[in-house]
Amino acid sequence: MFIVLFLFPFFAGVLLFFIRSKVINNTTLICYSLLYLIITLIQVFKPEEFSIYFKVDNISLLFMLTLAVIFLGVSFYNAIFSLQDETTEKAHTYYTIFFLFFVASMTGAILSTHIVLLWVFIEATTLSSAYLIYYNKNKSSLEAAWKYIFICSIGIALAFTGIVLLSIATGNGCSLFFDDLYRNATSMNAFWLKIAFIFILVGFGTKAGLAPVHAWLPDAHSEAPSPVSAMLSGTLLNVAFLGIIRVYRIMELSNTIGYCQILMLIMGFLSIFVCTVYISRVKNYKRMLAYSSIENMGVALIGISLGGIGFFAALLHIIAHSLTKAAFFLTSGNINMIYASKSIANVKNLHQRDKVSSWLWIFSFIGISGIPPFPLFLSELFIIKAFFIKGLFFLAFIMFFLLTIIIYGMGNTVLNMCFGESEKNAEIVQLNYLLYIPQVIFFTILLVIGLLLPEEIYNIVQKAASLL
């Protein structure tokens, strides 16, 4: 059944190329997102392996569900968002076609059972999403798109080098299917395996937005249309992170895990530190959200490196961050519609102009800050607990301290945007309700997870964590 998720974008893309209608484009995207969610939900009860190269396991199912939910919300938001800009039918058709290919590429990466195929699909996400970043066709978006292609291509090249080194570490008797790599991990050459992990961590880490190889992310997220930014931060970063997780499993089984944990801790803390430095300095509110994404991917990487309860915490953190950041970026699109500016200084008293967007902006901040009852509180609490279990009290304190600075910096900006200096004769704005509903749905899911942590969701996350 998953083959439909690959065939649909291809055939729909061909038809859309000749039809060129915004309404049909948006309808196609919504239909694909609904089909995507239905097929993914079916896999919860009846996992499918439709090829030796693609299958659904517990961890891929978790990432697929996250992608499906966010894609559905974004597709409905995009239907209204795209009708309100002045883009030509031709440009919008290309945008929709690349959007379809982008989602299909992420799907292929998530389901891949072979490390080279995973690499191919991650590279495909770069090519398919570059046009989406360039959608506004101005100087800054062109620069962001080229920067994205250049830096991510270097990262992907490093990852490929790591894969070559991994094949050397395996010797001649093992394929590069993940199952074979897991079975033969103990017999691999430890030296080449360690070198391979460095290249793969840095390579896939580039695409996951981890410091110090994060330079593309602030520009790409800030210049892309808000629906695309939501997908980049809420889904694309996860796909690259999944590549790191799968290779980390090989290292764990090969008993070289201590070496990897040190590298991941360094990269994770560096990502949080970068956000701490820049979060209060940025002048563009979408760039602020981009730096927050760097921080949260760093927190998730730290969780993976700690092991034990840290695995569960990291996966829960990825889900919660994806939904929260998607809501955050969609709401930033509302703000841009109201003020026609991405500058923090130009957004004054949002609460006066549009109360709904103001509250969505505030709730997004509360959620991303890990304040109860949102689930990022649980994931970060579990990661702190993992530090304590390992006796790393000082590192726990450093992480807590850095996160506190980030919350203060972001909170100051968010509150000033919502309740700052009043504008005289400010026009009250009422946007289309579809520009609010996706965020409300995301927050509802987040609150259910944070308050109740339903058994079904807990089991999915726990089964995924058990693979690590």
Protein backbone atom coordinates (compact mmCIF):
# COMPACT_ATOMS: atom_id res chain seq x y z
CA MET A 1 0.00 0.00 0.00
CA PHE A 2 2.90 2.38 0.68
CA ILE A 3 3.79 2.24 -3.00
CA VAL A 4 0.83 4.60 -3.53
CA LEU A 5 2.67 7.28 -1.57
CA PHE A 6 5.43 7.19 -4.19
CA LEU A 7 3.24 6.82 -7.28
CA PHE A 8 0.74 9.54 -6.36
CA PRO A 9 3.26 12.45 -6.44
CA PHE A 10 4.66 11.27 -9.78
CA PHE A 11 1.35 10.99 -11.64
CA ALA A 12 -0.18 14.00 -9.88
CA GLY A 13 2.90 16.05 -10.73
CA VAL A 14 2.58 15.23 -14.43
CA LEU A 15 -1.10 16.20 -14.47
CA LEU A 16 -0.57 19.40 -12.50
CA PHE A 17 2.20 20.45 -14.88
CA PHE A 18 -0.36 20.67 -17.70
CA ILE A 19 -3.39 21.91 -15.73
CA ARG A 20 -1.75 24.75 -13.76
CA SER A 21 -4.52 25.85 -11.41
CA LYS A 22 -4.00 27.02 -7.83
CA VAL A 23 -7.29 25.50 -6.71
CA ILE A 24 -6.47 22.10 -8.23
CA ASN A 25 -2.92 22.31 -6.89
CA ASN A 26 -4.17 22.88 -3.34
CA THR A 27 -6.85 20.21 -3.67
CA THR A 28 -4.25 17.70 -4.85
CA LEU A 29 -1.98 18.49 -1.91
CA ILE A 30 -4.85 18.06 0.56
CA CYS A 31 -5.93 14.76 -1.04
CA TYR A 32 -2.37 13.46 -0.84
CA SER A 33 -2.08 14.46 2.82
CA LEU A 34 -5.36 12.71 3.68
CA LEU A 35 -4.28 9.58 1.79
CA TYR A 36 -0.92 9.76 3.54
CA LEU A 37 -2.49 9.86 7.00
CA ILE A 38 -4.93 7.03 6.24
CA ILE A 39 -2.22 4.71 4.90
CA THR A 40 0.07 5.53 7.84
CA LEU A 41 -2.67 4.81 10.38
CA ILE A 42 -3.32 1.45 8.71
CA GLN A 43 0.34 0.59 9.33
CA VAL A 44 -0.18 1.02 13.08
CA PHE A 45 -2.32 -2.12 13.05
CA LYS A 46 -0.84 -3.95 10.06
CA PRO A 47 2.79 -3.02 9.31
CA GLU A 48 3.81 -3.62 5.72
CA GLU A 49 7.03 -4.62 3.97
CA PHE A 50 6.32 -4.09 0.30
CA SER A 51 9.94 -4.53 -0.80
CA ILE A 52 13.28 -5.63 0.61
CA TYR A 53 14.26 -1.97 0.33
CA PHE A 54 11.31 -0.46 2.19
CA LYS A 55 9.57 -1.58 5.35
CA VAL A 56 7.78 -0.21 8.39
CA ASP A 57 9.43 -0.85 11.74
CA ASN A 58 8.59 0.72 15.08
CA ILE A 59 10.86 3.73 14.71
CA SER A 60 9.92 4.47 11.10
CA LEU A 61 6.24 4.24 12.07
CA LEU A 62 6.76 6.91 14.73
CA PHE A 63 8.40 9.27 12.23
CA MET A 64 5.75 8.51 9.59
CA LEU A 65 2.92 9.36 11.98
CA THR A 66 4.58 12.65 12.88
CA LEU A 67 5.07 13.49 9.21
CA ALA A 68 1.49 12.50 8.34
CA VAL A 69 -0.11 14.69 11.02
CA ILE A 70 2.02 17.74 10.26
CA PHE A 71 1.63 17.35 6.50
CA LEU A 72 -2.16 17.22 6.84
CA GLY A 73 -2.28 20.41 8.91
CA VAL A 74 0.17 22.20 6.65
CA SER A 75 -1.71 21.23 3.47
CA PHE A 76 -4.94 22.82 4.74
CA TYR A 77 -3.10 25.92 5.93
CA ASN A 78 -1.27 26.12 2.61
CA ALA A 79 -4.57 26.10 0.69
CA ILE A 80 -5.51 29.49 2.12
CA PHE A 81 -1.98 30.83 2.47
CA SER A 82 -1.10 30.30 -1.19
CA LEU A 83 -4.33 31.84 -2.50
CA GLN A 84 -3.51 35.11 -0.76
CA ASP A 85 -0.18 35.71 -2.48
CA GLU A 86 0.38 37.04 -5.98
CA THR A 87 2.34 34.11 -7.34
CA THR A 88 1.50 33.04 -10.87
CA GLU A 89 -0.33 29.80 -11.59
CA LYS A 90 2.83 28.45 -13.22
CA ALA A 91 5.06 29.18 -10.22
CA HIS A 92 2.48 27.79 -7.81
CA THR A 93 2.21 24.60 -9.86
CA TYR A 94 5.98 24.08 -9.66
CA TYR A 95 5.76 24.77 -5.93
CA THR A 96 3.09 22.09 -5.50
CA ILE A 97 4.93 19.53 -7.62
CA PHE A 98 8.13 20.01 -5.63
CA PHE A 99 6.12 19.86 -2.40
CA LEU A 100 4.75 16.45 -3.44
CA PHE A 101 8.23 15.20 -4.34
CA PHE A 102 9.60 16.59 -1.07
CA VAL A 103 7.13 14.57 1.00
CA ALA A 104 7.72 11.45 -1.12
CA SER A 105 11.50 11.84 -0.65
CA MET A 106 11.13 12.06 3.12
CA THR A 107 8.90 8.98 3.04
CA GLY A 108 11.52 7.04 1.12
CA ALA A 109 14.22 8.01 3.60
CA ILE A 110 12.11 6.99 6.58
CA LEU A 111 11.20 3.59 5.13
CA SER A 112 14.60 2.72 3.64
CA THR A 113 16.16 -0.55 4.81
CA HIS A 114 19.48 0.11 3.05
CA ILE A 115 21.87 2.84 4.17
CA VAL A 116 22.76 3.90 0.60
CA LEU A 117 19.07 4.19 -0.29
CA LEU A 118 18.56 6.29 2.85
CA TRP A 119 21.38 8.54 1.67
CA VAL A 120 19.84 8.86 -1.82
CA PHE A 121 16.46 9.92 -0.47
CA ILE A 122 17.97 12.42 1.98
CA GLU A 123 19.81 13.98 -0.96
CA ALA A 124 16.51 13.99 -2.88
CA THR A 125 14.93 16.01 -0.07
CA THR A 126 17.59 18.67 -0.64
CA LEU A 127 16.87 18.94 -4.35
CA SER A 128 13.09 18.92 -3.98
CA SER A 129 12.93 21.44 -1.12
CA ALA A 130 15.41 23.96 -2.57
CA TYR A 131 12.77 25.32 -4.97
CA LEU A 132 10.31 25.63 -2.08
CA ILE A 133 12.79 27.84 -0.22
CA TYR A 134 13.19 29.98 -3.36
CA TYR A 135 9.40 30.36 -3.71
CA ASN A 136 9.35 34.15 -3.13
CA LYS A 137 11.95 34.62 -5.89
CA ASN A 138 13.85 37.52 -4.38
CA LYS A 139 17.53 38.05 -3.69
CA SER A 140 17.46 36.81 -0.10
CA SER A 141 15.45 33.66 -0.92
CA LEU A 142 17.82 32.87 -3.82
CA GLU A 143 20.80 33.26 -1.50
CA ALA A 144 19.13 31.05 1.13
CA ALA A 145 18.32 28.35 -1.45
CA TRP A 146 21.86 28.23 -2.82
CA LYS A 147 23.34 28.26 0.67
CA TYR A 148 21.03 25.38 1.56
CA ILE A 149 22.03 23.35 -1.50
CA PHE A 150 25.74 24.05 -1.09
CA ILE A 151 26.06 23.32 2.63
CA CYS A 152 23.71 20.33 2.66
CA SER A 153 25.42 18.85 -0.40
CA ILE A 154 28.74 19.04 1.42
CA GLY A 155 27.09 17.36 4.40
CA ILE A 156 25.64 14.64 2.21
CA ALA A 157 29.06 14.12 0.60
CA LEU A 158 30.58 13.67 4.05
CA ALA A 159 27.83 11.20 4.94
CA PHE A 160 28.57 9.25 1.75
CA THR A 161 32.25 9.14 2.70
CA GLY A 162 31.16 7.74 6.04
CA ILE A 163 29.09 5.07 4.30
CA VAL A 164 32.10 4.06 2.19
CA LEU A 165 34.19 3.79 5.35
CA LEU A 166 31.40 1.79 6.97
CA SER A 167 31.50 -0.67 4.07
CA ILE A 168 35.26 -1.00 4.61
CA ALA A 169 34.64 -1.70 8.30
CA THR A 170 32.25 -4.52 7.43
CA GLY A 171 34.78 -6.42 5.31
CA ASN A 172 33.50 -8.37 2.33
CA GLY A 173 30.83 -10.55 3.89
CA CYS A 174 28.11 -8.06 4.81
CA SER A 175 25.65 -6.02 2.78
CA LEU A 176 24.66 -2.48 3.70
CA PHE A 177 21.10 -3.37 4.63
CA PHE A 178 20.51 -2.19 8.18
CA ASP A 179 19.46 -5.64 9.40
CA ASP A 180 22.72 -7.14 8.09
CA LEU A 181 24.74 -4.32 9.60
CA TYR A 182 23.09 -4.91 12.98
CA ARG A 183 23.73 -8.67 12.84
CA ASN A 184 27.39 -8.25 11.90
CA ALA A 185 28.19 -5.22 14.05
CA THR A 186 30.36 -7.14 16.53
CA SER A 187 32.66 -8.41 13.78
CA MET A 188 33.31 -5.02 12.19
CA ASN A 189 36.66 -3.24 12.28
CA ALA A 190 36.36 -0.85 15.22
CA PHE A 191 38.87 1.67 13.86
CA TRP A 192 37.11 2.17 10.51
CA LEU A 193 33.74 2.09 12.23
CA LYS A 194 34.70 4.99 14.51
CA ILE A 195 36.02 7.04 11.60
CA ALA A 196 32.86 6.28 9.60
CA PHE A 197 30.65 7.46 12.45
CA ILE A 198 32.38 10.85 12.54
CA PHE A 199 31.65 11.44 8.86
CA ILE A 200 28.07 10.18 9.11
CA LEU A 201 27.32 12.19 12.26
CA VAL A 202 28.64 15.40 10.72
CA GLY A 203 27.08 14.64 7.33
CA PHE A 204 23.56 13.79 8.46
CA GLY A 205 23.97 16.30 11.31
CA THR A 206 24.33 19.02 8.69
CA LYS A 207 20.90 18.17 7.30
CA ALA A 208 19.48 17.81 10.84
CA GLY A 209 20.56 21.36 11.66
CA LEU A 210 23.06 20.46 14.36
CA ALA A 211 25.88 22.85 15.25
CA PRO A 212 28.50 23.60 14.11
CA VAL A 213 27.20 22.59 10.64
CA HIS A 214 23.90 24.45 10.94
CA ALA A 215 24.66 27.57 8.87
CA TRP A 216 22.02 26.87 6.19
CA LEU A 217 19.13 26.52 8.60
CA PRO A 218 18.42 30.10 9.83
CA ASP A 219 18.41 31.48 6.27
CA ALA A 220 16.35 28.67 4.75
CA HIS A 221 13.72 28.65 7.49
CA SER A 222 13.35 32.42 7.50
CA GLU A 223 13.11 32.84 3.71
CA ALA A 224 10.84 29.89 2.92
CA PRO A 225 7.05 30.36 2.99
CA SER A 226 5.64 29.52 6.41
CA PRO A 227 4.07 26.17 5.34
CA VAL A 228 7.46 25.11 3.97
CA SER A 229 9.24 26.32 7.12
CA ALA A 230 6.84 24.19 9.17
CA MET A 231 7.72 21.13 7.08
CA LEU A 232 11.46 21.83 7.14
CA SER A 233 11.58 22.17 10.92
CA GLY A 234 8.81 19.74 11.81
CA THR A 235 9.64 16.87 9.47
CA LEU A 236 12.84 17.26 7.41
CA LEU A 237 15.15 17.64 10.42
CA ASN A 238 13.66 14.44 11.83
CA VAL A 239 14.44 12.48 8.67
CA ALA A 240 18.14 13.37 8.82
CA PHE A 241 18.13 12.67 12.55
CA LEU A 242 16.73 9.21 11.81
CA GLY A 243 19.84 8.51 9.74
CA ILE A 244 21.99 9.27 12.78
CA ILE A 245 19.82 7.03 14.97
CA ARG A 246 20.10 4.05 12.62
CA VAL A 247 23.90 4.30 12.43
CA TYR A 248 24.11 4.86 16.19
CA ARG A 249 22.43 1.47 16.60
CA ILE A 250 25.30 -0.15 14.69
CA MET A 251 27.82 1.53 16.98
CA GLU A 252 25.88 0.39 20.04
CA LEU A 253 25.92 -3.23 18.91
CA SER A 254 29.63 -3.05 18.04
CA ASN A 255 30.56 -1.99 21.59
CA THR A 256 32.06 1.34 20.45
CA ILE A 257 29.26 3.31 22.03
CA GLY A 258 31.30 5.30 24.57
CA TYR A 259 33.22 7.04 21.79
CA CYS A 260 29.98 7.95 20.00
CA GLN A 261 28.30 9.26 23.13
CA ILE A 262 31.10 11.75 23.71
CA LEU A 263 30.85 13.07 20.14
CA MET A 264 27.07 13.35 20.35
CA LEU A 265 27.18 15.11 23.72
CA ILE A 266 29.62 17.66 22.33
CA MET A 267 27.51 18.29 19.23
CA GLY A 268 24.29 18.44 21.28
CA PHE A 269 25.61 20.96 23.78
CA LEU A 270 27.18 23.03 21.02
CA SER A 271 23.77 23.22 19.30
CA ILE A 272 22.13 24.46 22.49
CA PHE A 273 24.95 26.96 23.04
CA VAL A 274 24.59 28.39 19.51
CA CYS A 275 20.91 29.03 20.17
CA THR A 276 21.73 30.61 23.52
CA VAL A 277 24.11 33.07 21.85
CA TYR A 278 21.83 34.12 18.99
CA ILE A 279 18.28 33.83 20.35
CA SER A 280 18.22 37.36 21.81
CA ARG A 281 20.18 38.96 18.97
CA VAL A 282 18.08 38.04 15.96
CA LYS A 283 15.91 40.72 14.37
CA ASN A 284 13.75 38.32 12.35
CA TYR A 285 11.17 36.26 14.27
CA LYS A 286 11.40 33.34 11.83
CA ARG A 287 15.16 33.20 12.35
CA MET A 288 14.44 33.07 16.08
CA LEU A 289 12.35 29.95 15.50
CA ALA A 290 15.10 28.48 13.33
CA TYR A 291 17.66 28.82 16.13
CA SER A 292 15.16 27.19 18.45
CA SER A 293 15.07 24.21 16.07
CA ILE A 294 18.86 23.91 16.30
CA GLU A 295 18.58 23.87 20.08
CA ASN A 296 15.88 21.22 20.19
CA MET A 297 17.68 18.89 17.81
CA GLY A 298 20.68 19.27 20.10
CA VAL A 299 18.57 18.30 23.12
CA ALA A 300 17.30 15.21 21.27
CA LEU A 301 20.86 14.23 20.32
CA ILE A 302 21.89 14.51 23.97
CA GLY A 303 18.99 12.24 24.93
CA ILE A 304 20.10 9.57 22.45
CA SER A 305 23.69 9.78 23.68
CA LEU A 306 22.67 9.17 27.31
CA GLY A 307 20.92 5.88 26.57
CA GLY A 308 18.31 4.19 28.76
CA ILE A 309 15.45 6.55 29.51
CA GLY A 310 17.25 9.08 27.31
CA PHE A 311 16.20 7.11 24.21
CA PHE A 312 12.53 7.39 25.12
CA ALA A 313 12.95 11.05 26.06
CA ALA A 314 14.68 11.90 22.78
CA LEU A 315 11.95 10.34 20.64
CA LEU A 316 9.22 12.01 22.70
CA HIS A 317 11.14 15.28 22.35
CA ILE A 318 11.28 14.90 18.56
CA ILE A 319 7.51 14.39 18.32
CA ALA A 320 6.69 17.27 20.65
CA HIS A 321 9.15 19.64 19.00
CA SER A 322 7.84 18.79 15.53
CA LEU A 323 4.22 19.57 16.37
CA THR A 324 5.05 22.66 18.42
CA LYS A 325 7.44 24.13 15.88
CA ALA A 326 5.01 23.45 13.03
CA ALA A 327 2.37 25.45 14.93
CA PHE A 328 4.94 28.17 15.63
CA PHE A 329 5.94 28.56 11.98
CA LEU A 330 2.35 28.50 10.71
CA THR A 331 1.47 31.24 13.18
CA SER A 332 4.49 33.22 11.98
CA GLY A 333 2.82 33.12 8.56
CA ASN A 334 -0.26 34.76 10.08
CA ILE A 335 1.89 37.49 11.60
CA ASN A 336 3.61 38.10 8.27
CA MET A 337 0.22 38.45 6.59
CA ILE A 338 -0.89 41.03 9.15
CA TYR A 339 2.27 43.15 9.30
CA ALA A 340 3.86 42.35 5.90
CA SER A 341 7.17 42.09 7.74
CA LYS A 342 9.37 39.47 9.38
CA SER A 343 11.09 42.07 11.53
CA ILE A 344 10.51 41.73 15.26
CA ALA A 345 10.67 45.52 15.62
CA ASN A 346 7.75 46.00 13.20
CA VAL A 347 5.38 43.68 15.07
CA LYS A 348 3.72 45.74 17.79
CA ASN A 349 0.82 44.65 19.97
CA LEU A 350 -0.24 41.60 17.97
CA HIS A 351 -2.91 40.99 20.60
CA GLN A 352 -4.61 44.19 19.51
CA ARG A 353 -4.57 43.27 15.82
CA ASP A 354 -5.44 39.56 15.95
CA LYS A 355 -6.15 37.96 19.32
CA VAL A 356 -6.28 34.41 17.96
CA SER A 357 -2.85 34.60 16.32
CA SER A 358 -1.53 36.29 19.46
CA TRP A 359 -2.68 33.43 21.69
CA LEU A 360 -1.37 30.85 19.22
CA TRP A 361 2.00 32.63 19.29
CA ILE A 362 2.03 32.59 23.09
CA PHE A 363 0.97 28.94 23.33
CA SER A 364 3.67 28.03 20.81
CA PHE A 365 6.23 29.72 23.04
CA ILE A 366 4.93 27.94 26.14
CA GLY A 367 5.06 24.61 24.32
CA ILE A 368 8.56 25.05 22.89
CA SER A 369 9.84 26.22 26.29
CA GLY A 370 8.96 22.91 27.91
CA ILE A 371 6.51 24.44 30.34
CA PRO A 372 3.83 22.08 31.75
CA PRO A 373 1.49 20.68 30.59
CA PHE A 374 3.20 20.47 27.20
CA PRO A 375 5.17 17.25 26.50
CA LEU A 376 8.54 18.95 25.98
CA PHE A 377 8.49 19.35 29.76
CA LEU A 378 8.34 15.55 30.12
CA SER A 379 11.05 14.87 27.56
CA GLU A 380 13.46 17.40 29.05
CA LEU A 381 12.68 16.15 32.56
CA PHE A 382 13.50 12.58 31.47
CA ILE A 383 16.76 13.76 29.89
CA ILE A 384 17.73 15.52 33.13
CA LYS A 385 16.89 12.27 34.93
CA ALA A 386 19.13 10.37 32.51
CA PHE A 387 21.98 12.74 33.40
CA PHE A 388 21.37 12.06 37.09
CA ILE A 389 21.29 8.28 36.58
CA LYS A 390 24.74 8.48 34.98
CA GLY A 391 26.00 10.84 37.68
CA LEU A 392 26.53 13.70 35.22
CA PHE A 393 25.11 16.36 37.53
CA PHE A 394 27.26 19.19 36.21
CA LEU A 395 26.20 18.57 32.60
CA ALA A 396 22.56 18.49 33.72
CA PHE A 397 23.04 21.88 35.37
CA ILE A 398 24.71 23.34 32.26
CA MET A 399 21.85 22.18 30.03
CA PHE A 400 19.26 23.55 32.44
CA PHE A 401 21.12 26.87 32.65
CA LEU A 402 21.41 27.25 28.87
CA LEU A 403 17.75 26.35 28.33
CA THR A 404 16.74 28.95 30.93
CA ILE A 405 18.61 31.67 29.02
CA ILE A 406 16.93 30.59 25.78
CA ILE A 407 13.47 30.66 27.37
CA TYR A 408 14.12 34.15 28.76
CA GLY A 409 15.36 35.49 25.43
CA MET A 410 12.54 34.01 23.38
CA GLY A 411 9.91 34.89 25.98
CA ASN A 412 10.98 38.52 26.02
CA THR A 413 10.61 38.71 22.23
CA VAL A 414 7.27 36.88 22.11
CA LEU A 415 5.68 38.99 24.85
CA ASN A 416 6.91 42.25 23.32
CA MET A 417 5.44 41.24 19.97
CA CYS A 418 2.08 40.38 21.55
CA PHE A 419 1.71 43.07 24.20
CA GLY A 420 4.23 45.75 23.27
CA GLU A 421 3.64 49.37 22.35
CA SER A 422 0.11 49.97 21.08
CA GLU A 423 -0.47 51.19 17.56
CA LYS A 424 -2.77 54.13 17.01
CA ASN A 425 -5.77 53.35 14.81
CA ALA A 426 -4.57 49.78 14.41
CA GLU A 427 -6.90 47.71 12.24
CA ILE A 428 -8.33 44.57 13.85
CA VAL A 429 -7.69 41.61 11.55
CA GLN A 430 -9.76 38.46 11.15
CA LEU A 431 -7.95 35.88 9.08
CA ASN A 432 -9.53 32.83 7.47
CA TYR A 433 -10.28 30.20 10.15
CA LEU A 434 -8.18 27.61 8.28
CA LEU A 435 -5.15 29.70 9.21
CA TYR A 436 -5.87 28.94 12.88
CA ILE A 437 -7.30 25.40 12.93
CA PRO A 438 -4.11 23.41 12.13
CA GLN A 439 -2.30 25.00 15.08
CA VAL A 440 -5.26 24.32 17.37
CA ILE A 441 -5.23 20.66 16.32
CA PHE A 442 -1.48 20.42 16.93
CA PHE A 443 -1.89 21.94 20.40
CA THR A 444 -4.74 19.57 21.19
CA ILE A 445 -2.54 16.58 20.35
CA LEU A 446 0.30 18.05 22.40
CA LEU A 447 -1.91 18.62 25.44
CA VAL A 448 -3.30 15.09 25.23
CA ILE A 449 0.26 13.74 25.19
CA GLY A 450 1.44 16.08 27.93
CA LEU A 451 -1.50 15.56 30.28
CA LEU A 452 -2.47 11.95 29.61
CA LEU A 453 0.31 10.30 27.57
CA PRO A 454 -2.20 7.78 26.14
CA GLU A 455 -1.14 4.16 26.26
CA GLU A 456 -1.26 3.87 22.46
CA ILE A 457 1.19 6.75 21.98
CA TYR A 458 3.37 5.56 24.87
CA ASN A 459 3.61 2.08 23.33
CA ILE A 460 4.59 3.45 19.91
CA VAL A 461 7.35 5.60 21.40
CA GLN A 462 8.49 2.84 23.76
CA LYS A 463 8.69 0.27 20.95
CA ALA A 464 10.67 2.72 18.84
CA ALA A 465 13.03 3.39 21.76
CA SER A 466 13.50 -0.35 22.28
CA LEU A 467 15.27 -0.53 18.92
CA LEU A 468 18.08 1.58 20.35
